[in-house]
Amino acid sequence: MQVQDPAEIAHLLAELRVEHRDLDVAIEALAVAMGRDELQLTRMKKRKLLLKDTIARLESRLIPDLDA
Protein backbone atom coordinates (compact mmCIF):
# COMPACT_ATOMS: atom_id res chain seq x y z
CA MET A 1 0.00 0.00 0.00
CA GLN A 2 1.63 3.19 -1.21
CA VAL A 3 -0.11 6.29 0.10
CA GLN A 4 1.24 9.46 -1.47
CA ASP A 5 -1.15 12.20 -0.37
CA PRO A 6 0.08 13.91 2.84
CA ALA A 7 -3.51 14.15 4.12
CA GLU A 8 -3.98 10.40 3.64
CA ILE A 9 -0.66 9.72 5.36
CA ALA A 10 -1.67 11.93 8.29
CA HIS A 11 -5.02 10.12 8.58
CA LEU A 12 -3.32 6.72 8.48
CA LEU A 13 -0.80 7.89 11.08
CA ALA A 14 -3.62 8.92 13.41
CA GLU A 15 -5.26 5.50 13.07
CA LEU A 16 -1.98 3.68 13.68
CA ARG A 17 -1.20 5.80 16.74
CA VAL A 18 -4.60 4.96 18.23
CA GLU A 19 -4.02 1.24 17.61
CA HIS A 20 -0.52 1.54 19.13
CA ARG A 21 -1.92 3.26 22.22
CA ASP A 22 -4.70 0.67 22.56
CA LEU A 23 -2.16 -2.13 22.31
CA ASP A 24 -0.08 -0.46 25.00
CA VAL A 25 -3.07 -0.46 27.36
CA ALA A 26 -3.96 -4.06 26.50
CA ILE A 27 -0.36 -5.22 27.03
CA GLU A 28 -0.26 -3.49 30.42
CA ALA A 29 -3.51 -5.17 31.47
CA LEU A 30 -2.40 -8.59 30.26
CA ALA A 31 1.02 -8.27 31.88
CA VAL A 32 -0.47 -7.91 35.36
CA ALA A 33 -3.27 -10.47 34.87
CA MET A 34 -3.21 -13.73 36.77
CA GLY A 35 -2.66 -16.71 34.50
CA ARG A 36 -1.66 -14.50 31.61
CA ASP A 37 -1.13 -15.89 28.14
CA GLU A 38 2.57 -15.38 27.38
CA LEU A 39 2.15 -16.22 23.70
CA GLN A 40 -0.61 -13.62 23.31
CA LEU A 41 1.49 -11.08 25.19
CA THR A 42 4.46 -11.72 22.89
CA ARG A 43 2.29 -11.37 19.79
CA MET A 44 0.85 -8.11 21.03
CA LYS A 45 4.34 -6.74 21.73
CA LYS A 46 5.52 -7.72 18.24
CA ARG A 47 2.47 -6.03 16.70
CA LYS A 48 3.18 -2.91 18.75
CA LEU A 49 6.79 -2.82 17.47
CA LEU A 50 5.60 -3.28 13.90
CA LEU A 51 3.19 -0.37 14.36
CA LYS A 52 5.99 1.77 15.80
CA ASP A 53 8.20 1.06 12.77
CA THR A 54 5.35 1.78 10.37
CA ILE A 55 4.54 5.04 12.15
CA ALA A 56 8.20 6.13 11.96
CA ARG A 57 8.36 5.28 8.25
CA LEU A 58 5.19 7.26 7.50
CA GLU A 59 6.35 10.22 9.58
CA SER A 60 9.57 10.34 7.58
CA ARG A 61 7.54 10.49 4.36
CA LEU A 62 5.86 13.64 5.62
CA ILE A 63 9.21 15.41 6.01
CA PRO A 64 10.05 17.22 2.76
CA ASP A 65 13.32 16.34 1.07
CA LEU A 66 15.77 19.22 1.17
CA ASP A 67 18.67 19.38 -1.23
CA ALA A 68 21.91 20.17 0.54
PDB file of N, CA and C in Angstrom:
ATOM      1  N   MET A   1       0.850  -1.178   0.000  1.00  0.00           N
ATOM      2  CA  MET A   1       0.000   0.000   0.000  1.00  0.00           C
ATOM      3  C   MET A   1       0.897   1.242   0.000  1.00  0.00           C
ATOM      4  N   GLN A   2       0.838   1.975  -1.078  1.00  0.00           N
ATOM      5  CA  GLN A   2       1.626   3.192  -1.205  1.00  0.00           C
ATOM      6  C   GLN A   2       0.697   4.398  -1.168  1.00  0.00           C
ATOM      7  N   VAL A   3       0.693   5.075  -0.051  1.00  0.00           N
ATOM      8  CA  VAL A   3      -0.108   6.285   0.104  1.00  0.00           C
ATOM      9  C   VAL A   3       0.804   7.463  -0.171  1.00  0.00           C
ATOM     10  N   GLN A   4       0.397   8.341  -1.080  1.00  0.00           N
ATOM     11  CA  GLN A   4       1.238   9.461  -1.467  1.00  0.00           C
ATOM     12  C   GLN A   4       0.741  10.790  -0.911  1.00  0.00           C
ATOM     13  N   ASP A   5      -0.559  10.943  -0.798  1.00  0.00           N
ATOM     14  CA  ASP A   5      -1.153  12.202  -0.369  1.00  0.00           C
ATOM     15  C   ASP A   5      -0.832  12.463   1.112  1.00  0.00           C
ATOM     16  N   PRO A   6      -0.253  13.617   1.435  1.00  0.00           N
ATOM     17  CA  PRO A   6       0.078  13.913   2.836  1.00  0.00           C
ATOM     18  C   PRO A   6      -1.136  13.852   3.773  1.00  0.00           C
ATOM     19  N   ALA A   7      -2.310  14.217   3.284  1.00  0.00           N
ATOM     20  CA  ALA A   7      -3.511  14.145   4.120  1.00  0.00           C
ATOM     21  C   ALA A   7      -3.864  12.688   4.427  1.00  0.00           C
ATOM     22  N   GLU A   8      -3.711  11.816   3.432  1.00  0.00           N
ATOM     23  CA  GLU A   8      -3.980  10.398   3.644  1.00  0.00           C
ATOM     24  C   GLU A   8      -2.956   9.802   4.615  1.00  0.00           C
ATOM     25  N   ILE A   9      -1.709  10.204   4.467  1.00  0.00           N
ATOM     26  CA  ILE A   9      -0.659   9.717   5.364  1.00  0.00           C
ATOM     27  C   ILE A   9      -0.952  10.165   6.791  1.00  0.00           C
ATOM     28  N   ALA A  10      -1.356  11.415   6.963  1.00  0.00           N
ATOM     29  CA  ALA A  10      -1.671  11.931   8.294  1.00  0.00           C
ATOM     30  C   ALA A  10      -2.842  11.175   8.906  1.00  0.00           C
ATOM     31  N   HIS A  11      -3.854  10.865   8.086  1.00  0.00           N
ATOM     32  CA  HIS A  11      -5.017  10.124   8.577  1.00  0.00           C
ATOM     33  C   HIS A  11      -4.608   8.708   8.997  1.00  0.00           C
ATOM     34  N   LEU A  12      -3.804   8.060   8.169  1.00  0.00           N
ATOM     35  CA  LEU A  12      -3.322   6.717   8.481  1.00  0.00           C
ATOM     36  C   LEU A  12      -2.463   6.732   9.742  1.00  0.00           C
ATOM     37  N   LEU A  13      -1.629   7.755   9.879  1.00  0.00           N
ATOM     38  CA  LEU A  13      -0.803   7.890  11.079  1.00  0.00           C
ATOM     39  C   LEU A  13      -1.668   7.991  12.328  1.00  0.00           C
ATOM     40  N   ALA A  14      -2.732   8.770  12.257  1.00  0.00           N
ATOM     41  CA  ALA A  14      -3.624   8.922  13.412  1.00  0.00           C
ATOM     42  C   ALA A  14      -4.241   7.579  13.793  1.00  0.00           C
ATOM     43  N   GLU A  15      -4.674   6.817  12.796  1.00  0.00           N
ATOM     44  CA  GLU A  15      -5.257   5.502  13.068  1.00  0.00           C
ATOM     45  C   GLU A  15      -4.232   4.556  13.693  1.00  0.00           C
ATOM     46  N   LEU A  16      -3.018   4.561  13.158  1.00  0.00           N
ATOM     47  CA  LEU A  16      -1.976   3.679  13.679  1.00  0.00           C
ATOM     48  C   LEU A  16      -1.572   4.065  15.102  1.00  0.00           C
ATOM     49  N   ARG A  17      -1.532   5.356  15.381  1.00  0.00           N
ATOM     50  CA  ARG A  17      -1.198   5.802  16.742  1.00  0.00           C
ATOM     51  C   ARG A  17      -2.255   5.363  17.742  1.00  0.00           C
ATOM     52  N   VAL A  18      -3.522   5.407  17.343  1.00  0.00           N
ATOM     53  CA  VAL A  18      -4.602   4.955  18.227  1.00  0.00           C
ATOM     54  C   VAL A  18      -4.454   3.457  18.495  1.00  0.00           C
ATOM     55  N   GLU A  19      -4.200   2.681  17.439  1.00  0.00           N
ATOM     56  CA  GLU A  19      -4.020   1.242  17.611  1.00  0.00           C
ATOM     57  C   GLU A  19      -2.813   0.953  18.499  1.00  0.00           C
ATOM     58  N   HIS A  20      -1.729   1.706  18.317  1.00  0.00           N
ATOM     59  CA  HIS A  20      -0.520   1.537  19.131  1.00  0.00           C
ATOM     60  C   HIS A  20      -0.827   1.812  20.597  1.00  0.00           C
ATOM     61  N   ARG A  21      -1.555   2.896  20.850  1.00  0.00           N
ATOM     62  CA  ARG A  21      -1.921   3.255  22.219  1.00  0.00           C
ATOM     63  C   ARG A  21      -2.836   2.196  22.844  1.00  0.00           C
ATOM     64  N   ASP A  22      -3.800   1.709  22.065  1.00  0.00           N
ATOM     65  CA  ASP A  22      -4.701   0.669  22.555  1.00  0.00           C
ATOM     66  C   ASP A  22      -3.944  -0.613  22.891  1.00  0.00           C
ATOM     67  N   LEU A  23      -2.981  -0.952  22.039  1.00  0.00           N
ATOM     68  CA  LEU A  23      -2.159  -2.133  22.312  1.00  0.00           C
ATOM     69  C   LEU A  23      -1.343  -1.953  23.584  1.00  0.00           C
ATOM     70  N   ASP A  24      -0.852  -0.759  23.802  1.00  0.00           N
ATOM     71  CA  ASP A  24      -0.082  -0.463  25.004  1.00  0.00           C
ATOM     72  C   ASP A  24      -0.922  -0.721  26.248  1.00  0.00           C
ATOM     73  N   VAL A  25      -2.163  -0.263  26.224  1.00  0.00           N
ATOM     74  CA  VAL A  25      -3.074  -0.461  27.358  1.00  0.00           C
ATOM     75  C   VAL A  25      -3.389  -1.947  27.537  1.00  0.00           C
ATOM     76  N   ALA A  26      -3.644  -2.638  26.429  1.00  0.00           N
ATOM     77  CA  ALA A  26      -3.963  -4.063  26.499  1.00  0.00           C
ATOM     78  C   ALA A  26      -2.775  -4.878  27.006  1.00  0.00           C
ATOM     79  N   ILE A  27      -1.574  -4.518  26.573  1.00  0.00           N
ATOM     80  CA  ILE A  27      -0.365  -5.218  27.029  1.00  0.00           C
ATOM     81  C   ILE A  27      -0.176  -5.014  28.523  1.00  0.00           C
ATOM     82  N   GLU A  28      -0.372  -3.790  28.983  1.00  0.00           N
ATOM     83  CA  GLU A  28      -0.259  -3.487  30.423  1.00  0.00           C
ATOM     84  C   GLU A  28      -1.236  -4.334  31.227  1.00  0.00           C
ATOM     85  N   ALA A  29      -2.483  -4.408  30.754  1.00  0.00           N
ATOM     86  CA  ALA A  29      -3.511  -5.171  31.468  1.00  0.00           C
ATOM     87  C   ALA A  29      -3.179  -6.659  31.478  1.00  0.00           C
ATOM     88  N   LEU A  30      -2.729  -7.174  30.345  1.00  0.00           N
ATOM     89  CA  LEU A  30      -2.404  -8.592  30.255  1.00  0.00           C
ATOM     90  C   LEU A  30      -1.162  -8.934  31.077  1.00  0.00           C
ATOM     91  N   ALA A  31      -0.225  -8.021  31.160  1.00  0.00           N
ATOM     92  CA  ALA A  31       1.024  -8.270  31.881  1.00  0.00           C
ATOM     93  C   ALA A  31       0.789  -8.459  33.376  1.00  0.00           C
ATOM     94  N   VAL A  32      -0.207  -7.800  33.920  1.00  0.00           N
ATOM     95  CA  VAL A  32      -0.467  -7.911  35.360  1.00  0.00           C
ATOM     96  C   VAL A  32      -1.559  -8.929  35.681  1.00  0.00           C
ATOM     97  N   ALA A  33      -2.175  -9.520  34.664  1.00  0.00           N
ATOM     98  CA  ALA A  33      -3.275 -10.471  34.871  1.00  0.00           C
ATOM     99  C   ALA A  33      -2.745 -11.795  35.411  1.00  0.00           C
ATOM    100  N   MET A  34      -3.538 -12.395  36.270  1.00  0.00           N
ATOM    101  CA  MET A  34      -3.212 -13.732  36.772  1.00  0.00           C
ATOM    102  C   MET A  34      -3.422 -14.735  35.649  1.00  0.00           C
ATOM    103  N   GLY A  35      -2.537 -15.682  35.524  1.00  0.00           N
ATOM    104  CA  GLY A  35      -2.657 -16.710  34.498  1.00  0.00           C
ATOM    105  C   GLY A  35      -2.589 -16.139  33.096  1.00  0.00           C
ATOM    106  N   ARG A  36      -1.735 -15.168  32.911  1.00  0.00           N
ATOM    107  CA  ARG A  36      -1.656 -14.499  31.608  1.00  0.00           C
ATOM    108  C   ARG A  36      -1.151 -15.440  30.530  1.00  0.00           C
ATOM    109  N   ASP A  37      -1.513 -15.121  29.311  1.00  0.00           N
ATOM    110  CA  ASP A  37      -1.127 -15.893  28.137  1.00  0.00           C
ATOM    111  C   ASP A  37       0.141 -15.271  27.565  1.00  0.00           C
ATOM    112  N   GLU A  38       1.280 -15.908  27.813  1.00  0.00           N
ATOM    113  CA  GLU A  38       2.570 -15.378  27.385  1.00  0.00           C
ATOM    114  C   GLU A  38       2.668 -15.285  25.863  1.00  0.00           C
ATOM    115  N   LEU A  39       2.100 -16.241  25.159  1.00  0.00           N
ATOM    116  CA  LEU A  39       2.147 -16.217  23.701  1.00  0.00           C
ATOM    117  C   LEU A  39       1.367 -15.010  23.172  1.00  0.00           C
ATOM    118  N   GLN A  40       0.191 -14.776  23.720  1.00  0.00           N
ATOM    119  CA  GLN A  40      -0.611 -13.620  23.314  1.00  0.00           C
ATOM    120  C   GLN A  40       0.119 -12.319  23.635  1.00  0.00           C
ATOM    121  N   LEU A  41       0.742 -12.268  24.787  1.00  0.00           N
ATOM    122  CA  LEU A  41       1.495 -11.082  25.193  1.00  0.00           C
ATOM    123  C   LEU A  41       2.650 -10.815  24.220  1.00  0.00           C
ATOM    124  N   THR A  42       3.360 -11.852  23.836  1.00  0.00           N
ATOM    125  CA  THR A  42       4.462 -11.721  22.892  1.00  0.00           C
ATOM    126  C   THR A  42       3.964 -11.243  21.533  1.00  0.00           C
ATOM    127  N   ARG A  43       2.852 -11.796  21.077  1.00  0.00           N
ATOM    128  CA  ARG A  43       2.294 -11.374  19.787  1.00  0.00           C
ATOM    129  C   ARG A  43       1.869  -9.910  19.817  1.00  0.00           C
ATOM    130  N   MET A  44       1.283  -9.499  20.911  1.00  0.00           N
ATOM    131  CA  MET A  44       0.854  -8.107  21.035  1.00  0.00           C
ATOM    132  C   MET A  44       2.059  -7.169  21.037  1.00  0.00           C
ATOM    133  N   LYS A  45       3.127  -7.571  21.702  1.00  0.00           N
ATOM    134  CA  LYS A  45       4.337  -6.743  21.734  1.00  0.00           C
ATOM    135  C   LYS A  45       4.966  -6.637  20.352  1.00  0.00           C
ATOM    136  N   LYS A  46       4.975  -7.741  19.600  1.00  0.00           N
ATOM    137  CA  LYS A  46       5.520  -7.715  18.243  1.00  0.00           C
ATOM    138  C   LYS A  46       4.678  -6.819  17.343  1.00  0.00           C
ATOM    139  N   ARG A  47       3.363  -6.888  17.488  1.00  0.00           N
ATOM    140  CA  ARG A  47       2.470  -6.033  16.700  1.00  0.00           C
ATOM    141  C   ARG A  47       2.719  -4.565  17.037  1.00  0.00           C
ATOM    142  N   LYS A  48       2.930  -4.281  18.318  1.00  0.00           N
ATOM    143  CA  LYS A  48       3.181  -2.907  18.748  1.00  0.00           C
ATOM    144  C   LYS A  48       4.492  -2.390  18.131  1.00  0.00           C
ATOM    145  N   LEU A  49       5.526  -3.221  18.095  1.00  0.00           N
ATOM    146  CA  LEU A  49       6.794  -2.825  17.474  1.00  0.00           C
ATOM    147  C   LEU A  49       6.636  -2.594  15.974  1.00  0.00           C
ATOM    148  N   LEU A  50       5.857  -3.459  15.320  1.00  0.00           N
ATOM    149  CA  LEU A  50       5.602  -3.282  13.897  1.00  0.00           C
ATOM    150  C   LEU A  50       4.884  -1.959  13.645  1.00  0.00           C
ATOM    151  N   LEU A  51       3.905  -1.640  14.480  1.00  0.00           N
ATOM    152  CA  LEU A  51       3.190  -0.372  14.357  1.00  0.00           C
ATOM    153  C   LEU A  51       4.145   0.805  14.551  1.00  0.00           C
ATOM    154  N   LYS A  52       5.026   0.685  15.536  1.00  0.00           N
ATOM    155  CA  LYS A  52       5.986   1.768  15.800  1.00  0.00           C
ATOM    156  C   LYS A  52       6.877   2.012  14.587  1.00  0.00           C
ATOM    157  N   ASP A  53       7.357   0.938  13.963  1.00  0.00           N
ATOM    158  CA  ASP A  53       8.195   1.064  12.775  1.00  0.00           C
ATOM    159  C   ASP A  53       7.421   1.678  11.610  1.00  0.00           C
ATOM    160  N   THR A  54       6.185   1.251  11.439  1.00  0.00           N
ATOM    161  CA  THR A  54       5.349   1.781  10.367  1.00  0.00           C
ATOM    162  C   THR A  54       5.070   3.259  10.584  1.00  0.00           C
ATOM    163  N   ILE A  55       4.786   3.639  11.811  1.00  0.00           N
ATOM    164  CA  ILE A  55       4.541   5.045  12.146  1.00  0.00           C
ATOM    165  C   ILE A  55       5.784   5.880  11.829  1.00  0.00           C
ATOM    166  N   ALA A  56       6.956   5.401  12.215  1.00  0.00           N
ATOM    167  CA  ALA A  56       8.202   6.127  11.957  1.00  0.00           C
ATOM    168  C   ALA A  56       8.438   6.286  10.458  1.00  0.00           C
ATOM    169  N   ARG A  57       8.173   5.228   9.697  1.00  0.00           N
ATOM    170  CA  ARG A  57       8.358   5.281   8.251  1.00  0.00           C
ATOM    171  C   ARG A  57       7.413   6.307   7.613  1.00  0.00           C
ATOM    172  N   LEU A  58       6.155   6.303   8.045  1.00  0.00           N
ATOM    173  CA  LEU A  58       5.185   7.256   7.498  1.00  0.00           C
ATOM    174  C   LEU A  58       5.516   8.686   7.904  1.00  0.00           C
ATOM    175  N   GLU A  59       5.976   8.871   9.133  1.00  0.00           N
ATOM    176  CA  GLU A  59       6.352  10.220   9.579  1.00  0.00           C
ATOM    177  C   GLU A  59       7.512  10.752   8.733  1.00  0.00           C
ATOM    178  N   SER A  60       8.435   9.886   8.391  1.00  0.00           N
ATOM    179  CA  SER A  60       9.571  10.335   7.585  1.00  0.00           C
ATOM    180  C   SER A  60       9.134  10.718   6.173  1.00  0.00           C
ATOM    181  N   ARG A  61       8.048  10.124   5.683  1.00  0.00           N
ATOM    182  CA  ARG A  61       7.543  10.487   4.356  1.00  0.00           C
ATOM    183  C   ARG A  61       6.891  11.862   4.363  1.00  0.00           C
ATOM    184  N   LEU A  62       6.478  12.325   5.523  1.00  0.00           N
ATOM    185  CA  LEU A  62       5.859  13.638   5.616  1.00  0.00           C
ATOM    186  C   LEU A  62       6.891  14.770   5.655  1.00  0.00           C
ATOM    187  N   ILE A  63       8.141  14.411   5.946  1.00  0.00           N
ATOM    188  CA  ILE A  63       9.207  15.414   6.014  1.00  0.00           C
ATOM    189  C   ILE A  63       9.685  15.684   4.584  1.00  0.00           C
ATOM    190  N   PRO A  64       9.639  16.924   4.145  1.00  0.00           N
ATOM    191  CA  PRO A  64      10.053  17.221   2.762  1.00  0.00           C
ATOM    192  C   PRO A  64      11.555  17.008   2.576  1.00  0.00           C
ATOM    193  N   ASP A  65      11.909  16.518   1.400  1.00  0.00           N
ATOM    194  CA  ASP A  65      13.321  16.340   1.067  1.00  0.00           C
ATOM    195  C   ASP A  65      13.940  17.689   0.765  1.00  0.00           C
ATOM    196  N   LEU A  66      15.066  17.967   1.393  1.00  0.00           N
ATOM    197  CA  LEU A  66      15.775  19.219   1.166  1.00  0.00           C
ATOM    198  C   LEU A  66      17.111  18.907   0.508  1.00  0.00           C
ATOM    199  N   ASP A  67      17.381  19.560  -0.578  1.00  0.00           N
ATOM    200  CA  ASP A  67      18.671  19.376  -1.228  1.00  0.00           C
ATOM    201  C   ASP A  67      19.734  20.162  -0.478  1.00  0.00           C
ATOM    202  N   ALA A  68      20.846  19.523  -0.224  1.00  0.00           N
ATOM    203  CA  ALA A  68      21.913  20.168   0.541  1.00  0.00           C
ATOM    204  C   ALA A  68      22.728  21.092  -0.308  1.00  0.00           C
TER     205      ALA A  68
END
